Amino acid sequence: MPLVDGLRSPHTPLRRFLDRELSAGAEPLRDSYRAQHRAAHVLLPPPGVGTEAGTVGTAIDQRLRLAYTTAAPVDDASLIGIELSGGIGGRGAGLRMRAAGNELAVRLTETVRRLDLDNRELPIDHGQDEEEDLARMLIAAAWYQVLARTPIGFAFTPLAKAALEDPAAFTFKRLLELPDRDLVADVTAQLHEAAHGPLEALRARTRPVDCVGGPTFAGAQITADADLVVDGLLLDFKSARRPLAEMSQRTAWQLTGYLLLDAADRYRVDTVGPRDAPM
């Protein structure tokens, strides 16, 4: 069972435990968070983002992880989605999607290594052209990730629509043409915003070996993958339509859930928190 599902129902063992042991609810945690973290500036998404806000969120999450550690240039969910795409559609559409996805994985890995993204002697953000190219690849990878996480939604992605409409014309080049320029602009804008603040300071005082991108919790019956663990700090990147009103009860319970799932103390987490950005 995914962690979010375990939190959604009040009848699961996890929710019953949280409701019993934290009887005051999430409100004290939310109040403390909001008092300490008040944004003076809210970065709003361009008008073309629309229903692809989740795609942008997935892409910027991975881009931020890569600023800390490049141990996994392509996330596992995207790799799974690439493999699964080979079995979708007729007229060779699936084979085309998988071939383009495999080339994407190779090209993304090469780019991440070449730019040396987790090098602390370099800034979080690189040149605009380089970041836009990265954003396009990460957005494409996010579409493949949809197939691994919520297969029913994959058919509605620009990737699947383009491949199924004209399989013969679907190539890696065509794949990188699909992200709307507003999606690319939103990813790069969020990265530039993150490059000058607490995330920059946290990155400067840690090493890649201290960081784990997309940590998972082996042995738990509830499945979950957080965004980043940095030297005992578990960070969950959040994209929200109302960032000033963030730290919802769901977010508070989710962060608590990560701590409970790491029963073996594999990541030695002693602090948790979200990094909020507008969607």
Foldseek 3Di string as FASTA:
>chain_A
DAPLVQCVDCPHPLNVVCCVVVVVFLVVVLVVVLVVDFDPDADAFDPPCPPVPVLLLQLLLLLLQLLQAVPPLADPLLVVLLVVQLPDAPPRLSVQSNQLSVVLRVVSNVLSVVVVNNPLVDFNDDDPVSLLQSSLSSSLSSLSSCCSPPVVCSCVDQSNVVSNVPVVPRHNVVSSVRDDVSSSVRSNVVSVVCRPDDSNVLSNPAHSVQKDAQDWQPPDPHTDTAGMQGNQEGEHEEAAQCQSSDPDSSNVSVQVVVVVSNPVCPSVHDHYDYDYHYD
